[in-house]
């Protein structure tokens, strides 16, 4: 993962995330260990692996994303190509710095 390359520390992989009431929201690709910041990687392939089809998978993903936002998390959604660009990692690093 490119976090280290961009001097981003504190990102924990594969973390279960809960809302303030303790209800499970999602298992996230990466979540910061001190700040409410999440990084998710997306590919269209997972939508076609859903037994209910890609439309249902897309709807479930949107609902999950909204729950994370409503719980106060800042969410960065990356695609494969973002691994080869500095822009998104620069934004992630800046967002962490904003938390203080």
N, C-alpha and C. Protein backbone atom coordinates (compact mmCIF):
# COMPACT_ATOMS: atom_id res chain seq x y z
N UNK A 1 0.84 -1.18 0.00
CA UNK A 1 0.00 0.00 0.00
C UNK A 1 0.88 1.23 0.00
N UNK A 2 0.42 2.28 -0.56
CA UNK A 2 1.23 3.48 -0.75
C UNK A 2 1.17 4.47 0.40
N UNK A 3 0.52 4.14 1.47
CA UNK A 3 0.45 5.08 2.58
C UNK A 3 1.85 5.45 3.07
N UNK A 4 2.69 4.47 3.26
CA UNK A 4 4.04 4.71 3.77
C UNK A 4 4.82 5.63 2.83
N UNK A 5 4.68 5.40 1.55
CA UNK A 5 5.39 6.21 0.55
C UNK A 5 5.03 7.69 0.65
N UNK A 6 3.79 7.97 1.06
CA UNK A 6 3.33 9.35 1.17
C UNK A 6 3.34 9.84 2.62
N UNK A 7 4.08 9.14 3.47
CA UNK A 7 4.25 9.52 4.87
C UNK A 7 2.90 9.59 5.60
N UNK A 8 2.04 8.63 5.30
CA UNK A 8 0.75 8.52 5.97
C UNK A 8 0.86 7.35 6.94
N UNK A 9 0.72 7.67 8.22
CA UNK A 9 0.82 6.62 9.23
C UNK A 9 -0.53 6.48 9.94
N UNK A 10 -0.71 5.34 10.59
CA UNK A 10 -1.90 5.12 11.38
C UNK A 10 -3.05 4.45 10.65
N UNK A 11 -2.85 4.02 9.41
CA UNK A 11 -3.92 3.37 8.66
C UNK A 11 -3.92 1.87 8.97
N UNK A 12 -5.02 1.41 9.53
CA UNK A 12 -5.15 0.01 9.93
C UNK A 12 -6.01 -0.71 8.89
N UNK A 13 -5.53 -1.86 8.37
CA UNK A 13 -6.30 -2.57 7.35
C UNK A 13 -7.41 -3.45 7.94
N UNK A 14 -8.48 -3.58 7.17
CA UNK A 14 -9.57 -4.51 7.46
C UNK A 14 -10.12 -4.35 8.88
N UNK A 15 -10.78 -3.20 9.10
CA UNK A 15 -11.28 -2.84 10.43
C UNK A 15 -12.80 -2.81 10.41
N UNK A 16 -13.42 -3.42 11.41
CA UNK A 16 -14.86 -3.30 11.58
C UNK A 16 -15.16 -1.93 12.16
N UNK A 17 -16.17 -1.27 11.62
CA UNK A 17 -16.54 0.08 12.04
C UNK A 17 -17.97 0.06 12.56
N UNK A 18 -18.17 0.76 13.68
CA UNK A 18 -19.46 0.81 14.35
C UNK A 18 -19.91 2.26 14.51
N UNK A 19 -21.22 2.46 14.63
CA UNK A 19 -21.72 3.80 14.88
C UNK A 19 -21.67 4.08 16.39
N UNK A 20 -22.12 5.27 16.79
CA UNK A 20 -22.05 5.68 18.20
C UNK A 20 -22.88 4.77 19.12
N UNK A 21 -23.93 4.16 18.57
CA UNK A 21 -24.78 3.26 19.36
C UNK A 21 -24.22 1.84 19.43
N UNK A 22 -23.11 1.60 18.73
CA UNK A 22 -22.48 0.28 18.74
C UNK A 22 -22.97 -0.65 17.65
N UNK A 23 -23.77 -0.14 16.72
CA UNK A 23 -24.26 -0.97 15.61
C UNK A 23 -23.17 -1.06 14.53
N UNK A 24 -22.95 -2.27 14.05
CA UNK A 24 -21.94 -2.51 13.01
C UNK A 24 -22.37 -1.82 11.73
N UNK A 25 -21.42 -1.10 11.12
CA UNK A 25 -21.69 -0.45 9.83
C UNK A 25 -21.05 -1.23 8.70
N UNK A 26 -19.74 -1.49 8.83
CA UNK A 26 -19.02 -2.10 7.71
C UNK A 26 -17.65 -2.57 8.15
N UNK A 27 -17.08 -3.41 7.33
CA UNK A 27 -15.67 -3.76 7.45
C UNK A 27 -14.96 -2.94 6.39
N UNK A 28 -14.09 -2.04 6.84
CA UNK A 28 -13.44 -1.11 5.93
C UNK A 28 -12.07 -1.59 5.51
N UNK A 29 -11.68 -1.19 4.30
CA UNK A 29 -10.36 -1.55 3.80
C UNK A 29 -9.27 -0.99 4.70
N UNK A 30 -9.38 0.30 5.04
CA UNK A 30 -8.43 0.96 5.94
C UNK A 30 -9.16 2.01 6.77
N UNK A 31 -8.80 2.10 8.05
CA UNK A 31 -9.33 3.17 8.90
C UNK A 31 -8.18 3.70 9.74
N UNK A 32 -8.16 4.99 9.94
CA UNK A 32 -7.10 5.61 10.74
C UNK A 32 -7.27 5.21 12.19
N UNK A 33 -6.15 5.01 12.88
CA UNK A 33 -6.21 4.55 14.26
C UNK A 33 -6.60 5.63 15.27
N UNK A 34 -6.54 6.91 14.89
CA UNK A 34 -6.87 7.98 15.83
C UNK A 34 -7.96 8.92 15.34
N UNK A 35 -8.15 9.00 14.05
CA UNK A 35 -9.09 9.97 13.49
C UNK A 35 -10.20 9.25 12.71
N UNK A 36 -11.38 9.87 12.60
CA UNK A 36 -12.49 9.24 11.87
C UNK A 36 -12.31 9.36 10.35
N UNK A 37 -11.34 8.64 9.84
CA UNK A 37 -10.99 8.68 8.42
C UNK A 37 -10.87 7.26 7.89
N UNK A 38 -11.53 7.02 6.78
CA UNK A 38 -11.58 5.70 6.16
C UNK A 38 -11.14 5.81 4.71
N UNK A 39 -10.41 4.79 4.25
CA UNK A 39 -10.04 4.68 2.83
C UNK A 39 -10.57 3.35 2.31
N UNK A 40 -11.34 3.43 1.24
CA UNK A 40 -11.91 2.26 0.61
C UNK A 40 -11.41 2.14 -0.83
N UNK A 41 -11.17 0.91 -1.26
CA UNK A 41 -10.78 0.65 -2.64
C UNK A 41 -11.94 -0.04 -3.35
N UNK A 42 -12.24 0.46 -4.53
CA UNK A 42 -13.40 -0.06 -5.26
C UNK A 42 -13.01 -0.55 -6.65
N UNK A 43 -13.67 -1.61 -7.01
CA UNK A 43 -13.56 -2.15 -8.36
C UNK A 43 -14.94 -2.64 -8.77
N UNK A 44 -15.25 -2.59 -10.03
CA UNK A 44 -16.59 -2.97 -10.48
C UNK A 44 -16.82 -4.47 -10.37
N UNK A 45 -15.76 -5.26 -10.30
CA UNK A 45 -15.91 -6.71 -10.24
C UNK A 45 -16.76 -7.19 -9.09
N UNK A 46 -16.64 -6.53 -7.93
CA UNK A 46 -17.40 -6.99 -6.76
C UNK A 46 -18.91 -6.85 -6.96
N UNK A 47 -19.31 -5.92 -7.79
CA UNK A 47 -20.74 -5.74 -8.04
C UNK A 47 -21.33 -6.93 -8.78
N UNK A 48 -20.54 -7.57 -9.60
CA UNK A 48 -21.02 -8.71 -10.36
C UNK A 48 -20.90 -10.02 -9.60
N UNK A 49 -20.23 -9.99 -8.45
CA UNK A 49 -20.11 -11.18 -7.62
C UNK A 49 -21.28 -11.30 -6.64
N UNK A 50 -22.06 -10.25 -6.49
CA UNK A 50 -23.20 -10.25 -5.58
C UNK A 50 -24.30 -11.15 -6.15
N UNK A 51 -24.80 -12.05 -5.33
CA UNK A 51 -25.84 -12.99 -5.79
C UNK A 51 -27.10 -12.28 -6.25
N UNK A 52 -27.38 -11.10 -5.71
CA UNK A 52 -28.57 -10.35 -6.09
C UNK A 52 -28.34 -9.47 -7.31
N UNK A 53 -27.13 -9.46 -7.83
CA UNK A 53 -26.82 -8.70 -9.03
C UNK A 53 -26.17 -7.36 -8.75
N UNK A 54 -25.65 -6.72 -9.80
CA UNK A 54 -24.89 -5.48 -9.63
C UNK A 54 -25.72 -4.30 -9.14
N UNK A 55 -26.99 -4.23 -9.50
CA UNK A 55 -27.81 -3.11 -9.03
C UNK A 55 -27.97 -3.16 -7.51
N UNK A 56 -28.24 -4.34 -7.00
CA UNK A 56 -28.39 -4.50 -5.54
C UNK A 56 -27.07 -4.23 -4.83
N UNK A 57 -25.99 -4.71 -5.39
CA UNK A 57 -24.67 -4.48 -4.79
C UNK A 57 -24.34 -2.99 -4.75
N UNK A 58 -24.67 -2.28 -5.80
CA UNK A 58 -24.42 -0.84 -5.85
C UNK A 58 -25.26 -0.12 -4.80
N UNK A 59 -26.51 -0.52 -4.67
CA UNK A 59 -27.40 0.08 -3.68
C UNK A 59 -26.89 -0.18 -2.26
N UNK A 60 -26.45 -1.40 -1.99
CA UNK A 60 -25.91 -1.74 -0.67
C UNK A 60 -24.65 -0.94 -0.37
N UNK A 61 -23.81 -0.76 -1.37
CA UNK A 61 -22.58 0.01 -1.19
C UNK A 61 -22.90 1.48 -0.89
N UNK A 62 -23.88 2.02 -1.58
CA UNK A 62 -24.28 3.40 -1.34
C UNK A 62 -24.83 3.56 0.09
N UNK A 63 -25.67 2.63 0.51
CA UNK A 63 -26.23 2.69 1.86
C UNK A 63 -25.12 2.63 2.91
N UNK A 64 -24.17 1.75 2.70
CA UNK A 64 -23.02 1.61 3.60
C UNK A 64 -22.22 2.90 3.68
N UNK A 65 -21.97 3.50 2.53
CA UNK A 65 -21.22 4.74 2.46
C UNK A 65 -21.95 5.85 3.23
N UNK A 66 -23.26 5.94 3.05
CA UNK A 66 -24.03 6.96 3.74
C UNK A 66 -24.01 6.74 5.26
N UNK A 67 -24.07 5.50 5.69
CA UNK A 67 -23.99 5.22 7.13
C UNK A 67 -22.65 5.67 7.71
N UNK A 68 -21.57 5.45 6.97
CA UNK A 68 -20.25 5.89 7.43
C UNK A 68 -20.19 7.41 7.54
N UNK A 69 -20.70 8.09 6.52
CA UNK A 69 -20.71 9.56 6.55
C UNK A 69 -21.58 10.07 7.70
N UNK A 70 -22.75 9.49 7.87
CA UNK A 70 -23.65 9.92 8.94
C UNK A 70 -23.09 9.62 10.33
N UNK A 71 -22.20 8.67 10.42
CA UNK A 71 -21.54 8.35 11.70
C UNK A 71 -20.35 9.28 11.95
N UNK A 72 -20.07 10.18 11.01
CA UNK A 72 -19.02 11.17 11.21
C UNK A 72 -17.67 10.84 10.61
N UNK A 73 -17.61 9.83 9.76
CA UNK A 73 -16.34 9.45 9.13
C UNK A 73 -16.11 10.22 7.85
N UNK A 74 -14.88 10.56 7.62
CA UNK A 74 -14.46 11.12 6.33
C UNK A 74 -14.02 9.91 5.51
N UNK A 75 -14.61 9.73 4.35
CA UNK A 75 -14.37 8.53 3.54
C UNK A 75 -13.72 8.92 2.22
N UNK A 76 -12.60 8.29 1.93
CA UNK A 76 -11.94 8.43 0.63
C UNK A 76 -12.19 7.14 -0.14
N UNK A 77 -12.75 7.28 -1.33
CA UNK A 77 -13.03 6.14 -2.20
C UNK A 77 -12.02 6.14 -3.35
N UNK A 78 -11.19 5.11 -3.40
CA UNK A 78 -10.16 5.03 -4.42
C UNK A 78 -10.45 3.88 -5.37
N UNK A 79 -9.95 4.02 -6.59
CA UNK A 79 -10.00 2.95 -7.58
C UNK A 79 -8.55 2.55 -7.89
N UNK A 80 -8.41 1.47 -8.61
CA UNK A 80 -7.10 0.93 -8.92
C UNK A 80 -6.15 1.99 -9.47
N UNK A 81 -6.61 2.80 -10.39
CA UNK A 81 -5.75 3.81 -11.02
C UNK A 81 -5.21 4.82 -10.02
N UNK A 82 -5.94 5.05 -8.92
CA UNK A 82 -5.46 6.00 -7.91
C UNK A 82 -4.17 5.54 -7.24
N UNK A 83 -3.88 4.26 -7.29
CA UNK A 83 -2.63 3.76 -6.72
C UNK A 83 -1.41 4.30 -7.47
N UNK A 84 -1.64 4.80 -8.67
CA UNK A 84 -0.55 5.30 -9.50
C UNK A 84 -0.55 6.82 -9.60
N UNK A 85 -1.34 7.46 -8.76
CA UNK A 85 -1.44 8.92 -8.75
C UNK A 85 -1.16 9.42 -7.34
N UNK A 86 -0.49 10.53 -7.24
CA UNK A 86 -0.20 11.11 -5.92
C UNK A 86 -1.38 11.89 -5.36
N UNK A 87 -2.25 12.38 -6.21
CA UNK A 87 -3.30 13.32 -5.81
C UNK A 87 -4.14 12.84 -4.63
N UNK A 88 -4.67 11.64 -4.70
CA UNK A 88 -5.55 11.16 -3.63
C UNK A 88 -4.80 10.95 -2.32
N UNK A 89 -3.57 10.48 -2.41
CA UNK A 89 -2.79 10.26 -1.19
C UNK A 89 -2.39 11.60 -0.55
N UNK A 90 -2.18 12.60 -1.37
CA UNK A 90 -1.91 13.95 -0.85
C UNK A 90 -3.14 14.48 -0.12
N UNK A 91 -4.32 14.22 -0.66
CA UNK A 91 -5.57 14.64 -0.01
C UNK A 91 -5.78 13.91 1.32
N UNK A 92 -5.47 12.63 1.35
CA UNK A 92 -5.60 11.84 2.58
C UNK A 92 -4.66 12.39 3.65
N UNK A 93 -3.43 12.64 3.26
CA UNK A 93 -2.44 13.18 4.21
C UNK A 93 -2.90 14.54 4.74
N UNK A 94 -3.43 15.39 3.89
CA UNK A 94 -3.92 16.71 4.30
C UNK A 94 -5.12 16.57 5.25
N UNK A 95 -6.01 15.63 4.97
CA UNK A 95 -7.17 15.43 5.83
C UNK A 95 -6.75 14.99 7.23
N UNK A 96 -5.77 14.11 7.31
CA UNK A 96 -5.26 13.68 8.61
C UNK A 96 -4.64 14.87 9.36
N UNK A 97 -3.91 15.69 8.66
CA UNK A 97 -3.29 16.88 9.28
C UNK A 97 -4.36 17.84 9.81
N UNK A 98 -5.50 17.93 9.13
CA UNK A 98 -6.59 18.79 9.58
C UNK A 98 -7.17 18.36 10.91
N UNK A 99 -7.14 17.06 11.18
CA UNK A 99 -7.64 16.55 12.45
C UNK A 99 -6.74 16.99 13.61
N UNK A 100 -5.49 17.30 13.26
CA UNK A 100 -4.57 17.77 14.29
C UNK A 100 -3.74 16.77 14.89
